[in-house]
Protein backbone atom coordinates (compact mmCIF):
# COMPACT_ATOMS: atom_id res chain seq x y z
CA UNK A 1 146.03 74.23 166.76
CA UNK A 2 147.06 78.03 166.90
CA UNK A 3 144.80 80.77 166.40
CA UNK A 4 145.97 81.41 162.83
CA UNK A 5 144.43 78.25 161.86
CA UNK A 6 141.16 78.86 163.78
CA UNK A 7 141.01 82.40 161.87
CA UNK A 8 142.08 80.65 158.50
CA UNK A 9 138.97 77.87 159.51
CA UNK A 10 136.42 80.24 160.44
CA UNK A 11 137.39 82.79 157.66
CA UNK A 12 136.67 79.72 155.13
CA UNK A 13 133.29 78.78 156.49
CA UNK A 14 132.69 82.74 156.37
CA UNK A 15 133.63 82.61 152.79
CA UNK A 16 131.36 78.94 151.82
CA UNK A 17 128.42 80.31 153.87
CA UNK A 18 128.38 83.67 151.88
CA UNK A 19 128.57 81.57 148.68
CA UNK A 20 125.57 79.68 149.77
CA UNK A 21 123.32 82.65 150.86
CA UNK A 22 123.68 84.10 147.22
CA UNK A 23 122.96 80.49 146.03
CA UNK A 24 119.89 80.31 148.03
CA UNK A 25 118.68 83.91 147.36
CA UNK A 26 118.77 83.12 143.54
CA UNK A 27 117.15 79.45 144.23
CA UNK A 28 114.35 81.22 146.16
CA UNK A 29 113.24 84.25 143.71
CA UNK A 30 109.62 84.09 143.01
CA UNK A 31 108.42 82.33 139.74
CA UNK A 32 106.87 84.95 137.06
CA UNK A 33 102.75 84.54 136.91
CA UNK A 34 103.14 84.38 133.23
CA UNK A 35 105.64 81.78 133.53
CA UNK A 36 103.92 78.80 131.41
CA UNK A 37 105.22 75.77 133.72
CA UNK A 38 102.16 73.84 134.58
CA UNK A 39 99.82 73.72 137.82
CA UNK A 40 102.01 70.81 138.92
CA UNK A 41 104.93 72.17 138.25
CA UNK A 42 104.15 75.26 139.83
CA UNK A 43 103.13 73.78 142.97
CA UNK A 44 106.33 71.99 143.15
CA UNK A 45 108.45 74.98 142.31
CA UNK A 46 106.31 77.32 145.13
CA UNK A 47 107.77 74.11 147.70
CA UNK A 48 110.86 74.51 146.59
CA UNK A 49 110.92 77.88 146.99
CA UNK A 50 109.59 77.71 150.86
CA UNK A 51 112.70 75.33 151.30
CA UNK A 52 115.33 77.33 150.11
CA UNK A 53 113.93 80.29 151.94
CA UNK A 54 114.40 78.37 155.36
CA UNK A 55 117.60 77.21 154.43
CA UNK A 56 118.59 80.86 153.36
CA UNK A 57 117.65 81.69 156.93
CA UNK A 58 119.47 79.38 158.44
CA UNK A 59 122.58 80.45 156.42
CA UNK A 60 121.91 83.98 157.51
CA UNK A 61 121.94 82.89 161.30
CA UNK A 62 124.97 80.67 160.78
CA UNK A 63 126.98 83.71 159.07
CA UNK A 64 125.91 86.35 161.83
CA UNK A 65 127.11 83.45 164.36
CA UNK A 66 130.31 83.10 162.52
CA UNK A 67 131.00 86.53 161.99
CA UNK A 68 130.41 87.15 165.97
CA UNK A 69 132.94 84.39 166.66
CA UNK A 70 135.45 85.28 164.56
CA UNK A 71 135.33 89.05 166.08
CA UNK A 72 135.68 87.27 169.73
CA UNK A 73 139.17 85.62 167.94
CA UNK A 74 141.97 86.47 170.24
CA UNK A 75 140.03 87.90 173.00
CA UNK A 76 138.98 86.24 176.55
CA UNK A 77 135.91 85.64 175.52
CA UNK A 78 136.63 83.41 172.48
CA UNK A 79 135.65 79.58 172.92
CA UNK A 80 133.59 80.09 175.62
CA UNK A 81 129.88 78.80 175.87
CA UNK A 82 127.49 81.83 176.42
CA UNK A 83 125.25 79.64 178.80
CA UNK A 84 127.40 77.84 181.22
CA UNK A 85 131.04 80.12 180.73
CA UNK A 86 133.11 77.08 180.37
CA UNK A 87 135.54 76.43 177.40
CA UNK A 88 133.86 74.92 174.43
CA UNK A 89 136.14 72.05 173.34
CA UNK A 90 138.69 72.62 170.43
CA UNK A 91 137.06 69.78 168.64
CA UNK A 92 133.50 71.40 168.64
CA UNK A 93 134.63 74.71 167.20
CA UNK A 94 136.62 73.06 164.32
CA UNK A 95 133.35 71.08 163.46
CA UNK A 96 130.86 73.97 164.07
CA UNK A 97 133.33 77.15 164.14
CA UNK A 98 129.50 79.05 164.45
CA UNK A 99 128.67 77.20 167.88
CA UNK A 100 128.33 79.96 170.55
CA UNK A 101 126.99 77.35 173.21
CA UNK A 102 129.09 73.77 174.66
CA UNK A 103 127.67 70.74 173.73
CA UNK A 104 125.51 70.11 176.79
CA UNK A 105 124.13 73.70 176.57
CA UNK A 106 123.28 73.05 173.29
CA UNK A 107 121.10 70.62 173.56
């Protein structure tokens, strides 16, 4: 696999993650108190909002890591584990392009 394919994979993953962030932001908007949805439904909506906010934080973190990896593309730092400084296997980069650590260091 060459760097153009990796670049395309990273850009595709960045695009998907940005779309997810927009969706999570929409789903985690607060519900107006004057909206008559019932007490149980309101509690369910509050719970769902918390789940969406956690998903939003996770997606934003993933996007930051993807952008960091993308900025390293073509440099000597690309594909190098931040902890042990060994190359991250290509398979891991393809499956989790936002990975900053090799499998051993990520555990």
